Amino acid sequence: MTKGANQSKHPNPPGQGDPQGVEIFSHTGASAQYSNTVRVNVTDDAVILQFLYVRPGTQQGVLLSEIALSPQHAMRLAQTIDKTVKHHFTRHLEL
């Protein structure tokens, strides 16, 4: 993939290299958003993650992003999140 006019290349953070060596590109308008709620829906064919921001003290929320994963990718994602979070908190915080 070639860097286009509407895309910018974001290198992986130090120590966070992609095991598959994939370069990550994002649109120049892409930015991180805070999500305080995640809904997970599972079918035989897909795992759907809906990232929402729910306003505190209300039942009103905004769907920020919806991601569909194959069951295999969802299982790998769950394992990676579990491993990474455990590693961070055992290394940086005393619980």
N, C-alpha and C. Protein backbone atom coordinates (compact mmCIF):
# COMPACT_ATOMS: atom_id res chain seq x y z
N MET A 1 0.84 -1.17 0.00
CA MET A 1 0.00 0.00 0.00
C MET A 1 0.89 1.23 0.00
N THR A 2 0.60 2.15 -0.86
CA THR A 2 1.38 3.37 -0.97
C THR A 2 0.70 4.49 -0.19
N LYS A 3 1.51 5.30 0.46
CA LYS A 3 0.98 6.41 1.23
C LYS A 3 0.33 7.41 0.28
N GLY A 4 -0.98 7.61 0.45
CA GLY A 4 -1.71 8.50 -0.44
C GLY A 4 -1.93 9.86 0.19
N ALA A 5 -2.58 10.73 -0.55
CA ALA A 5 -2.83 12.09 -0.09
C ALA A 5 -3.73 12.13 1.14
N ASN A 6 -4.64 11.17 1.26
CA ASN A 6 -5.57 11.17 2.39
C ASN A 6 -5.16 10.20 3.48
N GLN A 7 -3.94 9.72 3.45
CA GLN A 7 -3.50 8.76 4.45
C GLN A 7 -2.16 9.18 5.01
N SER A 8 -1.94 8.81 6.28
CA SER A 8 -0.63 9.04 6.89
C SER A 8 -0.19 7.76 7.55
N LYS A 9 1.10 7.51 7.52
CA LYS A 9 1.65 6.29 8.09
C LYS A 9 1.94 6.53 9.56
N HIS A 10 1.46 5.62 10.42
CA HIS A 10 1.73 5.69 11.85
C HIS A 10 2.55 4.47 12.23
N PRO A 11 3.82 4.64 12.61
CA PRO A 11 4.62 3.48 12.98
C PRO A 11 4.13 2.87 14.29
N ASN A 12 4.44 1.60 14.49
CA ASN A 12 4.09 0.95 15.75
C ASN A 12 4.89 1.58 16.87
N PRO A 13 4.30 1.74 18.08
CA PRO A 13 5.05 2.27 19.21
C PRO A 13 6.23 1.36 19.54
N PRO A 14 7.30 1.91 20.16
CA PRO A 14 8.46 1.09 20.51
C PRO A 14 8.03 -0.12 21.34
N GLY A 15 8.57 -1.27 21.00
CA GLY A 15 8.25 -2.50 21.72
C GLY A 15 6.90 -3.08 21.37
N GLN A 16 6.18 -2.47 20.47
CA GLN A 16 4.85 -2.95 20.11
C GLN A 16 4.80 -3.36 18.65
N GLY A 17 5.86 -3.95 18.14
CA GLY A 17 5.91 -4.33 16.74
C GLY A 17 4.84 -5.34 16.39
N ASP A 18 4.36 -5.25 15.19
CA ASP A 18 3.35 -6.18 14.70
C ASP A 18 4.05 -7.48 14.34
N PRO A 19 3.61 -8.61 14.92
CA PRO A 19 4.29 -9.87 14.65
C PRO A 19 4.23 -10.28 13.18
N GLN A 20 3.28 -9.76 12.43
CA GLN A 20 3.18 -10.11 11.02
C GLN A 20 3.90 -9.10 10.13
N GLY A 21 4.48 -8.07 10.71
CA GLY A 21 5.22 -7.09 9.94
C GLY A 21 4.36 -6.20 9.07
N VAL A 22 3.11 -6.02 9.41
CA VAL A 22 2.19 -5.22 8.62
C VAL A 22 2.35 -3.75 8.97
N GLU A 23 2.52 -2.90 7.96
CA GLU A 23 2.55 -1.46 8.20
C GLU A 23 1.12 -0.97 8.32
N ILE A 24 0.87 -0.10 9.29
CA ILE A 24 -0.48 0.39 9.55
C ILE A 24 -0.64 1.80 9.00
N PHE A 25 -1.68 2.00 8.21
CA PHE A 25 -1.99 3.31 7.65
C PHE A 25 -3.36 3.73 8.17
N SER A 26 -3.54 5.02 8.39
CA SER A 26 -4.85 5.52 8.78
C SER A 26 -5.14 6.80 8.02
N HIS A 27 -6.40 7.12 7.90
CA HIS A 27 -6.78 8.37 7.26
C HIS A 27 -6.32 9.52 8.13
N THR A 28 -5.95 10.63 7.53
CA THR A 28 -5.45 11.77 8.29
C THR A 28 -6.47 12.29 9.28
N GLY A 29 -7.75 12.06 9.04
CA GLY A 29 -8.79 12.51 9.97
C GLY A 29 -9.05 11.54 11.10
N ALA A 30 -8.43 10.37 11.06
CA ALA A 30 -8.67 9.36 12.10
C ALA A 30 -8.04 9.81 13.41
N SER A 31 -8.79 9.61 14.49
CA SER A 31 -8.26 9.95 15.80
C SER A 31 -8.83 8.98 16.83
N ALA A 32 -8.15 8.87 17.94
CA ALA A 32 -8.61 8.01 19.03
C ALA A 32 -9.86 8.61 19.65
N GLN A 33 -10.78 7.76 20.06
CA GLN A 33 -11.99 8.19 20.74
C GLN A 33 -12.12 7.40 22.03
N TYR A 34 -12.66 8.03 23.06
CA TYR A 34 -12.87 7.37 24.34
C TYR A 34 -14.19 6.63 24.33
N SER A 35 -14.14 5.36 24.66
CA SER A 35 -15.33 4.53 24.75
C SER A 35 -15.42 4.01 26.18
N ASN A 36 -16.59 4.14 26.80
CA ASN A 36 -16.76 3.62 28.16
C ASN A 36 -17.68 2.40 28.21
N THR A 37 -18.12 1.94 27.05
CA THR A 37 -18.99 0.77 26.99
C THR A 37 -18.70 -0.01 25.71
N VAL A 38 -18.69 -1.33 25.84
CA VAL A 38 -18.54 -2.20 24.67
C VAL A 38 -19.64 -3.25 24.72
N ARG A 39 -20.36 -3.37 23.64
CA ARG A 39 -21.35 -4.44 23.51
C ARG A 39 -20.74 -5.51 22.61
N VAL A 40 -20.96 -6.76 22.98
CA VAL A 40 -20.43 -7.88 22.20
C VAL A 40 -21.60 -8.76 21.77
N ASN A 41 -21.72 -8.99 20.48
CA ASN A 41 -22.74 -9.88 19.93
C ASN A 41 -22.02 -10.99 19.17
N VAL A 42 -22.46 -12.23 19.40
CA VAL A 42 -21.79 -13.38 18.81
C VAL A 42 -22.78 -14.19 17.97
N THR A 43 -22.36 -14.54 16.77
CA THR A 43 -23.09 -15.48 15.93
C THR A 43 -22.12 -16.59 15.56
N ASP A 44 -22.58 -17.57 14.83
CA ASP A 44 -21.69 -18.65 14.39
C ASP A 44 -20.60 -18.14 13.45
N ASP A 45 -20.89 -17.05 12.73
CA ASP A 45 -19.97 -16.54 11.71
C ASP A 45 -19.13 -15.35 12.13
N ALA A 46 -19.54 -14.63 13.17
CA ALA A 46 -18.85 -13.38 13.50
C ALA A 46 -19.02 -13.00 14.96
N VAL A 47 -18.08 -12.20 15.42
CA VAL A 47 -18.16 -11.54 16.71
C VAL A 47 -18.20 -10.04 16.40
N ILE A 48 -19.26 -9.39 16.85
CA ILE A 48 -19.45 -7.97 16.57
C ILE A 48 -19.17 -7.19 17.86
N LEU A 49 -18.24 -6.24 17.78
CA LEU A 49 -17.92 -5.37 18.90
C LEU A 49 -18.47 -3.99 18.59
N GLN A 50 -19.31 -3.46 19.47
CA GLN A 50 -19.85 -2.11 19.31
C GLN A 50 -19.26 -1.25 20.43
N PHE A 51 -18.48 -0.25 20.06
CA PHE A 51 -17.86 0.66 21.01
C PHE A 51 -18.74 1.90 21.14
N LEU A 52 -19.15 2.19 22.38
CA LEU A 52 -20.07 3.30 22.62
C LEU A 52 -19.51 4.24 23.67
N TYR A 53 -20.00 5.47 23.64
CA TYR A 53 -19.79 6.40 24.75
C TYR A 53 -21.17 6.65 25.33
N VAL A 54 -21.38 6.23 26.58
CA VAL A 54 -22.64 6.45 27.28
C VAL A 54 -22.43 7.60 28.24
N ARG A 55 -23.26 8.62 28.10
CA ARG A 55 -23.14 9.80 28.96
C ARG A 55 -23.41 9.41 30.41
N PRO A 56 -22.52 9.80 31.33
CA PRO A 56 -22.70 9.46 32.75
C PRO A 56 -24.05 9.95 33.28
N GLY A 57 -24.70 9.11 34.08
CA GLY A 57 -25.97 9.47 34.68
C GLY A 57 -27.15 9.41 33.74
N THR A 58 -26.95 8.92 32.52
CA THR A 58 -28.05 8.83 31.56
C THR A 58 -28.04 7.45 30.92
N GLN A 59 -29.04 7.19 30.17
CA GLN A 59 -29.10 5.97 29.36
C GLN A 59 -28.91 6.31 27.89
N GLN A 60 -28.31 7.47 27.62
CA GLN A 60 -28.09 7.91 26.25
C GLN A 60 -26.65 7.66 25.85
N GLY A 61 -26.47 7.08 24.69
CA GLY A 61 -25.13 6.79 24.22
C GLY A 61 -24.97 7.05 22.74
N VAL A 62 -23.71 7.06 22.33
CA VAL A 62 -23.36 7.28 20.93
C VAL A 62 -22.52 6.10 20.46
N LEU A 63 -22.92 5.48 19.36
CA LEU A 63 -22.12 4.41 18.77
C LEU A 63 -20.93 5.04 18.07
N LEU A 64 -19.73 4.73 18.56
CA LEU A 64 -18.51 5.31 18.00
C LEU A 64 -17.95 4.46 16.87
N SER A 65 -18.04 3.14 17.03
CA SER A 65 -17.47 2.25 16.03
C SER A 65 -18.06 0.86 16.20
N GLU A 66 -18.17 0.16 15.10
CA GLU A 66 -18.63 -1.22 15.12
C GLU A 66 -17.63 -2.04 14.32
N ILE A 67 -17.12 -3.09 14.94
CA ILE A 67 -16.09 -3.93 14.33
C ILE A 67 -16.61 -5.36 14.26
N ALA A 68 -16.50 -5.99 13.10
CA ALA A 68 -16.87 -7.39 12.94
C ALA A 68 -15.59 -8.21 12.79
N LEU A 69 -15.49 -9.26 13.59
CA LEU A 69 -14.33 -10.15 13.56
C LEU A 69 -14.78 -11.58 13.30
N SER A 70 -13.91 -12.36 12.67
CA SER A 70 -14.18 -13.79 12.59
C SER A 70 -14.02 -14.36 14.00
N PRO A 71 -14.65 -15.48 14.30
CA PRO A 71 -14.47 -16.07 15.63
C PRO A 71 -13.00 -16.34 15.96
N GLN A 72 -12.21 -16.75 14.97
CA GLN A 72 -10.79 -17.01 15.21
C GLN A 72 -10.04 -15.73 15.57
N HIS A 73 -10.31 -14.65 14.87
CA HIS A 73 -9.65 -13.38 15.18
C HIS A 73 -10.10 -12.85 16.54
N ALA A 74 -11.38 -13.05 16.87
CA ALA A 74 -11.88 -12.60 18.17
C ALA A 74 -11.19 -13.34 19.30
N MET A 75 -10.96 -14.64 19.13
CA MET A 75 -10.27 -15.41 20.17
C MET A 75 -8.83 -14.95 20.31
N ARG A 76 -8.16 -14.68 19.19
CA ARG A 76 -6.78 -14.17 19.26
C ARG A 76 -6.74 -12.79 19.91
N LEU A 77 -7.71 -11.94 19.60
CA LEU A 77 -7.78 -10.62 20.21
C LEU A 77 -7.98 -10.74 21.72
N ALA A 78 -8.88 -11.60 22.15
CA ALA A 78 -9.13 -11.79 23.58
C ALA A 78 -7.86 -12.27 24.29
N GLN A 79 -7.14 -13.21 23.69
CA GLN A 79 -5.90 -13.70 24.29
C GLN A 79 -4.84 -12.61 24.35
N THR A 80 -4.73 -11.81 23.30
CA THR A 80 -3.74 -10.73 23.27
C THR A 80 -4.06 -9.66 24.30
N ILE A 81 -5.33 -9.27 24.41
CA ILE A 81 -5.72 -8.27 25.41
C ILE A 81 -5.44 -8.81 26.81
N ASP A 82 -5.81 -10.05 27.09
CA ASP A 82 -5.58 -10.65 28.40
C ASP A 82 -4.10 -10.65 28.75
N LYS A 83 -3.28 -11.11 27.85
CA LYS A 83 -1.83 -11.18 28.08
C LYS A 83 -1.23 -9.79 28.28
N THR A 84 -1.60 -8.85 27.43
CA THR A 84 -1.03 -7.50 27.48
C THR A 84 -1.43 -6.77 28.76
N VAL A 85 -2.70 -6.85 29.14
CA VAL A 85 -3.17 -6.17 30.35
C VAL A 85 -2.54 -6.79 31.59
N LYS A 86 -2.49 -8.11 31.66
CA LYS A 86 -1.85 -8.77 32.81
C LYS A 86 -0.38 -8.38 32.91
N HIS A 87 0.32 -8.36 31.78
CA HIS A 87 1.74 -7.99 31.76
C HIS A 87 1.92 -6.56 32.25
N HIS A 88 1.10 -5.66 31.79
CA HIS A 88 1.21 -4.25 32.19
C HIS A 88 0.98 -4.08 33.69
N PHE A 89 -0.10 -4.65 34.20
CA PHE A 89 -0.44 -4.41 35.60
C PHE A 89 0.47 -5.14 36.57
N THR A 90 1.00 -6.29 36.19
CA THR A 90 1.95 -6.96 37.08
C THR A 90 3.31 -6.27 37.04
N ARG A 91 3.58 -5.56 35.96
CA ARG A 91 4.87 -4.88 35.81
C ARG A 91 4.85 -3.46 36.37
N HIS A 92 3.73 -2.76 36.23
CA HIS A 92 3.68 -1.33 36.56
C HIS A 92 2.89 -1.00 37.82
N LEU A 93 2.05 -1.87 38.28
CA LEU A 93 1.23 -1.57 39.44
C LEU A 93 1.24 -2.73 40.43
N GLU A 94 1.16 -2.39 41.68
CA GLU A 94 1.01 -3.42 42.70
C GLU A 94 -0.46 -3.49 43.05
N LEU A 95 -1.08 -4.64 42.84
CA LEU A 95 -2.51 -4.79 43.13
C LEU A 95 -2.70 -5.42 44.48
